[in-house]
Amino acid sequence: MRWYRAAAIKREQTGTDELHNPVCSEVSAFDFFVRVGPWHKVKADNAGNAYDGVTRSLLTKRPAADFGGMCAVEVKGHAYELANVSADGDTTVLTVKGFKPWVL
């Protein structure tokens, strides 16, 4: 497996609109290296579909605590929504779902 350069993306408030709602932008927080796993189908029993979504696992040596406020991960020019972060010994497993072309 290859190591790929990735970027953690976080959402920061840049101001407010005329109705005082927060206006946010997504900025790159830090770079790190990941190994990319294959896509996995996710099935929910209540929907009746063949599958309801797909997830992918990313493996990194970066500590899990660094991903606390992150909303997405960019790998190979594609941004993915961050679904779950779990620490497994000295590695961290990032579970991502979906492709977010509007982030970049």
N, C-alpha and C. Protein backbone atom coordinates (compact mmCIF):
# COMPACT_ATOMS: atom_id res chain seq x y z
N MET A 1 0.84 -1.19 0.00
CA MET A 1 0.00 0.00 0.00
C MET A 1 0.88 1.25 0.00
N ARG A 2 0.36 2.27 -0.62
CA ARG A 2 1.09 3.53 -0.69
C ARG A 2 0.60 4.48 0.39
N TRP A 3 1.49 5.37 0.78
CA TRP A 3 1.13 6.47 1.67
C TRP A 3 0.80 7.67 0.80
N TYR A 4 -0.31 8.33 1.08
CA TYR A 4 -0.73 9.52 0.34
C TYR A 4 -0.73 10.72 1.28
N ARG A 5 -0.41 11.87 0.73
CA ARG A 5 -0.49 13.11 1.51
C ARG A 5 -1.97 13.51 1.60
N ALA A 6 -2.40 13.86 2.79
CA ALA A 6 -3.79 14.27 3.02
C ALA A 6 -3.80 15.58 3.80
N ALA A 7 -4.94 16.24 3.77
CA ALA A 7 -5.11 17.48 4.52
C ALA A 7 -6.39 17.38 5.34
N ALA A 8 -6.31 17.75 6.60
CA ALA A 8 -7.50 17.81 7.46
C ALA A 8 -8.15 19.17 7.25
N ILE A 9 -9.47 19.17 7.09
CA ILE A 9 -10.22 20.39 6.82
C ILE A 9 -11.14 20.67 7.99
N LYS A 10 -11.10 21.91 8.47
CA LYS A 10 -12.00 22.29 9.55
C LYS A 10 -12.84 23.49 9.11
N ARG A 11 -13.97 23.66 9.77
CA ARG A 11 -14.89 24.74 9.46
C ARG A 11 -14.68 25.87 10.46
N GLU A 12 -14.41 27.08 9.93
CA GLU A 12 -14.20 28.25 10.79
C GLU A 12 -15.24 29.31 10.46
N GLN A 13 -15.71 29.99 11.49
CA GLN A 13 -16.66 31.07 11.28
C GLN A 13 -15.92 32.31 10.79
N THR A 14 -16.37 32.85 9.65
CA THR A 14 -15.71 34.02 9.07
C THR A 14 -16.52 35.29 9.25
N GLY A 15 -17.73 35.18 9.77
CA GLY A 15 -18.56 36.37 9.97
C GLY A 15 -20.00 35.97 10.19
N THR A 16 -20.90 36.94 10.07
CA THR A 16 -22.33 36.69 10.18
C THR A 16 -23.04 37.40 9.03
N ASP A 17 -24.21 36.88 8.67
CA ASP A 17 -24.99 37.53 7.63
C ASP A 17 -25.94 38.54 8.24
N GLU A 18 -26.84 39.10 7.42
CA GLU A 18 -27.73 40.15 7.92
C GLU A 18 -28.74 39.65 8.94
N LEU A 19 -28.96 38.35 9.03
CA LEU A 19 -29.87 37.77 10.03
C LEU A 19 -29.11 37.23 11.23
N HIS A 20 -27.83 37.56 11.33
CA HIS A 20 -26.94 37.15 12.42
C HIS A 20 -26.69 35.64 12.48
N ASN A 21 -26.83 34.98 11.33
CA ASN A 21 -26.46 33.57 11.23
C ASN A 21 -24.97 33.47 10.95
N PRO A 22 -24.30 32.48 11.50
CA PRO A 22 -22.86 32.37 11.25
C PRO A 22 -22.57 32.01 9.79
N VAL A 23 -21.56 32.64 9.24
CA VAL A 23 -21.06 32.32 7.90
C VAL A 23 -19.72 31.63 8.09
N CYS A 24 -19.60 30.42 7.57
CA CYS A 24 -18.39 29.62 7.79
C CYS A 24 -17.69 29.32 6.47
N SER A 25 -16.41 29.11 6.56
CA SER A 25 -15.63 28.64 5.42
C SER A 25 -14.78 27.46 5.89
N GLU A 26 -14.41 26.63 4.94
CA GLU A 26 -13.62 25.44 5.28
C GLU A 26 -12.17 25.69 4.90
N VAL A 27 -11.28 25.53 5.88
CA VAL A 27 -9.86 25.81 5.68
C VAL A 27 -9.04 24.57 6.05
N SER A 28 -7.89 24.46 5.45
CA SER A 28 -6.99 23.34 5.74
C SER A 28 -6.32 23.57 7.09
N ALA A 29 -6.35 22.56 7.95
CA ALA A 29 -5.79 22.69 9.30
C ALA A 29 -4.35 22.18 9.36
N PHE A 30 -4.09 20.98 8.85
CA PHE A 30 -2.75 20.41 8.86
C PHE A 30 -2.66 19.31 7.82
N ASP A 31 -1.44 18.97 7.42
CA ASP A 31 -1.18 17.89 6.48
C ASP A 31 -0.69 16.66 7.23
N PHE A 32 -0.98 15.50 6.67
CA PHE A 32 -0.54 14.24 7.27
C PHE A 32 -0.54 13.18 6.17
N PHE A 33 -0.08 11.98 6.49
CA PHE A 33 -0.03 10.89 5.53
C PHE A 33 -1.04 9.81 5.91
N VAL A 34 -1.69 9.22 4.90
CA VAL A 34 -2.69 8.17 5.12
C VAL A 34 -2.48 7.03 4.14
N ARG A 35 -2.99 5.89 4.53
CA ARG A 35 -3.16 4.76 3.62
C ARG A 35 -4.66 4.65 3.37
N VAL A 36 -5.04 4.46 2.12
CA VAL A 36 -6.45 4.48 1.72
C VAL A 36 -6.95 3.07 1.51
N GLY A 37 -8.06 2.74 2.16
CA GLY A 37 -8.68 1.43 1.99
C GLY A 37 -9.79 1.48 0.96
N PRO A 38 -10.37 0.33 0.62
CA PRO A 38 -11.44 0.29 -0.38
C PRO A 38 -12.76 0.81 0.18
N TRP A 39 -13.69 1.09 -0.72
CA TRP A 39 -15.03 1.49 -0.31
C TRP A 39 -15.78 0.29 0.23
N HIS A 40 -16.63 0.50 1.25
CA HIS A 40 -17.45 -0.56 1.83
C HIS A 40 -18.91 -0.12 1.80
N LYS A 41 -19.78 -1.04 1.44
CA LYS A 41 -21.21 -0.73 1.42
C LYS A 41 -21.75 -0.72 2.85
N VAL A 42 -22.66 0.21 3.11
CA VAL A 42 -23.30 0.31 4.42
C VAL A 42 -24.78 0.03 4.23
N LYS A 43 -25.31 -0.92 4.98
CA LYS A 43 -26.71 -1.29 4.83
C LYS A 43 -27.48 -0.95 6.09
N ALA A 44 -28.62 -0.30 5.90
CA ALA A 44 -29.55 -0.04 6.99
C ALA A 44 -30.76 -0.94 6.78
N ASP A 45 -31.17 -1.64 7.82
CA ASP A 45 -32.25 -2.61 7.70
C ASP A 45 -33.61 -1.98 7.49
N ASN A 46 -33.77 -0.72 7.84
CA ASN A 46 -35.09 -0.12 7.79
C ASN A 46 -35.44 0.49 6.44
N ALA A 47 -34.51 0.64 5.51
CA ALA A 47 -34.79 1.33 4.26
C ALA A 47 -35.22 0.40 3.14
N GLY A 48 -34.81 -0.86 3.16
CA GLY A 48 -35.19 -1.79 2.12
C GLY A 48 -34.35 -1.71 0.87
N ASN A 49 -33.36 -0.86 0.85
CA ASN A 49 -32.48 -0.76 -0.32
C ASN A 49 -31.39 -1.81 -0.26
N ALA A 50 -30.73 -2.02 -1.39
CA ALA A 50 -29.62 -2.96 -1.42
C ALA A 50 -28.51 -2.47 -0.49
N TYR A 51 -28.21 -1.19 -0.55
CA TYR A 51 -27.31 -0.56 0.41
C TYR A 51 -27.63 0.92 0.44
N ASP A 52 -27.31 1.56 1.53
CA ASP A 52 -27.72 2.94 1.74
C ASP A 52 -26.59 3.94 1.64
N GLY A 53 -25.38 3.50 1.61
CA GLY A 53 -24.26 4.41 1.53
C GLY A 53 -22.96 3.64 1.44
N VAL A 54 -21.88 4.36 1.32
CA VAL A 54 -20.57 3.74 1.28
C VAL A 54 -19.63 4.49 2.21
N THR A 55 -18.71 3.75 2.80
CA THR A 55 -17.69 4.35 3.66
C THR A 55 -16.33 3.83 3.21
N ARG A 56 -15.32 4.54 3.63
CA ARG A 56 -13.94 4.17 3.32
C ARG A 56 -13.11 4.42 4.57
N SER A 57 -12.11 3.58 4.80
CA SER A 57 -11.23 3.75 5.96
C SER A 57 -9.89 4.30 5.51
N LEU A 58 -9.38 5.24 6.30
CA LEU A 58 -8.05 5.81 6.09
C LEU A 58 -7.24 5.51 7.34
N LEU A 59 -6.02 5.07 7.16
CA LEU A 59 -5.14 4.71 8.27
C LEU A 59 -4.00 5.72 8.35
N THR A 60 -3.75 6.27 9.55
CA THR A 60 -2.70 7.26 9.72
C THR A 60 -1.97 7.04 11.03
N LYS A 61 -0.78 7.59 11.13
CA LYS A 61 0.00 7.54 12.37
C LYS A 61 -0.25 8.77 13.23
N ARG A 62 -1.01 9.72 12.75
CA ARG A 62 -1.31 10.95 13.50
C ARG A 62 -2.23 10.61 14.67
N PRO A 63 -2.05 11.22 15.85
CA PRO A 63 -2.90 10.91 17.00
C PRO A 63 -4.37 11.27 16.76
N ALA A 64 -5.26 10.48 17.33
CA ALA A 64 -6.70 10.69 17.14
C ALA A 64 -7.16 12.02 17.72
N ALA A 65 -6.49 12.52 18.74
CA ALA A 65 -6.89 13.79 19.37
C ALA A 65 -6.75 14.97 18.42
N ASP A 66 -5.90 14.86 17.41
CA ASP A 66 -5.72 15.96 16.45
C ASP A 66 -6.93 16.18 15.56
N PHE A 67 -7.82 15.20 15.45
CA PHE A 67 -8.95 15.29 14.54
C PHE A 67 -10.24 15.72 15.24
N GLY A 68 -10.14 16.33 16.41
CA GLY A 68 -11.30 16.71 17.20
C GLY A 68 -12.28 17.63 16.49
N GLY A 69 -11.82 18.72 15.92
CA GLY A 69 -12.73 19.69 15.30
C GLY A 69 -12.78 19.62 13.79
N MET A 70 -12.31 18.53 13.22
CA MET A 70 -12.24 18.44 11.76
C MET A 70 -13.57 17.96 11.17
N CYS A 71 -13.89 18.44 9.97
CA CYS A 71 -15.14 18.05 9.33
C CYS A 71 -14.92 17.23 8.06
N ALA A 72 -13.72 17.31 7.47
CA ALA A 72 -13.47 16.60 6.22
C ALA A 72 -11.98 16.29 6.09
N VAL A 73 -11.67 15.39 5.16
CA VAL A 73 -10.29 15.03 4.86
C VAL A 73 -10.13 15.07 3.34
N GLU A 74 -9.08 15.72 2.87
CA GLU A 74 -8.79 15.77 1.44
C GLU A 74 -7.64 14.83 1.12
N VAL A 75 -7.89 13.89 0.20
CA VAL A 75 -6.88 12.92 -0.23
C VAL A 75 -6.89 12.86 -1.75
N LYS A 76 -5.74 12.98 -2.37
CA LYS A 76 -5.59 12.88 -3.82
C LYS A 76 -6.54 13.83 -4.56
N GLY A 77 -6.74 15.03 -4.03
CA GLY A 77 -7.58 16.01 -4.69
C GLY A 77 -9.07 15.86 -4.45
N HIS A 78 -9.49 14.90 -3.64
CA HIS A 78 -10.90 14.69 -3.33
C HIS A 78 -11.12 14.90 -1.84
N ALA A 79 -12.20 15.56 -1.49
CA ALA A 79 -12.53 15.79 -0.08
C ALA A 79 -13.64 14.84 0.33
N TYR A 80 -13.49 14.23 1.51
CA TYR A 80 -14.45 13.27 2.03
C TYR A 80 -14.93 13.74 3.40
N GLU A 81 -16.21 13.55 3.67
CA GLU A 81 -16.77 13.90 4.97
C GLU A 81 -16.27 12.93 6.03
N LEU A 82 -15.80 13.47 7.14
CA LEU A 82 -15.25 12.65 8.22
C LEU A 82 -16.40 12.13 9.07
N ALA A 83 -16.56 10.81 9.15
CA ALA A 83 -17.67 10.19 9.87
C ALA A 83 -17.27 9.72 11.26
N ASN A 84 -16.06 9.15 11.41
CA ASN A 84 -15.67 8.57 12.69
C ASN A 84 -14.15 8.57 12.79
N VAL A 85 -13.66 8.78 14.01
CA VAL A 85 -12.23 8.71 14.29
C VAL A 85 -12.06 7.72 15.44
N SER A 86 -11.22 6.71 15.23
CA SER A 86 -10.98 5.74 16.30
C SER A 86 -9.49 5.45 16.39
N ALA A 87 -9.00 5.40 17.62
CA ALA A 87 -7.59 5.10 17.86
C ALA A 87 -7.44 3.59 18.04
N ASP A 88 -6.44 3.04 17.38
CA ASP A 88 -6.18 1.61 17.46
C ASP A 88 -4.68 1.43 17.69
N GLY A 89 -4.27 1.47 18.94
CA GLY A 89 -2.85 1.35 19.26
C GLY A 89 -2.10 2.60 18.86
N ASP A 90 -1.06 2.44 18.06
CA ASP A 90 -0.28 3.60 17.63
C ASP A 90 -0.79 4.19 16.32
N THR A 91 -1.88 3.64 15.77
CA THR A 91 -2.45 4.18 14.53
C THR A 91 -3.85 4.71 14.79
N THR A 92 -4.33 5.54 13.89
CA THR A 92 -5.67 6.10 13.96
C THR A 92 -6.42 5.71 12.70
N VAL A 93 -7.65 5.25 12.86
CA VAL A 93 -8.49 4.88 11.72
C VAL A 93 -9.53 5.97 11.53
N LEU A 94 -9.52 6.59 10.36
CA LEU A 94 -10.51 7.61 10.00
C LEU A 94 -11.52 6.97 9.07
N THR A 95 -12.79 7.00 9.43
CA THR A 95 -13.84 6.49 8.56
C THR A 95 -14.46 7.69 7.87
N VAL A 96 -14.44 7.68 6.55
CA VAL A 96 -14.98 8.79 5.78
C VAL A 96 -16.15 8.28 4.96
N LYS A 97 -17.06 9.19 4.64
CA LYS A 97 -18.19 8.81 3.81
C LYS A 97 -18.42 9.89 2.77
N GLY A 98 -18.81 9.45 1.62
CA GLY A 98 -19.18 10.38 0.56
C GLY A 98 -18.03 11.22 0.04
N PHE A 99 -18.25 11.76 -1.10
CA PHE A 99 -17.29 12.63 -1.76
C PHE A 99 -17.90 14.02 -1.78
N LYS A 100 -17.17 15.02 -1.33
CA LYS A 100 -17.70 16.37 -1.24
C LYS A 100 -16.99 17.27 -2.25
N PRO A 101 -17.47 17.34 -3.50
CA PRO A 101 -16.78 18.18 -4.48
C PRO A 101 -16.91 19.67 -4.20
N TRP A 102 -17.88 20.08 -3.40
CA TRP A 102 -18.09 21.50 -3.14
C TRP A 102 -17.14 22.05 -2.09
N VAL A 103 -16.37 21.21 -1.42
CA VAL A 103 -15.44 21.69 -0.40
C VAL A 103 -14.26 22.41 -1.04
N LEU A 104 -13.74 21.87 -2.13
CA LEU A 104 -12.53 22.43 -2.73
C LEU A 104 -12.81 23.55 -3.62
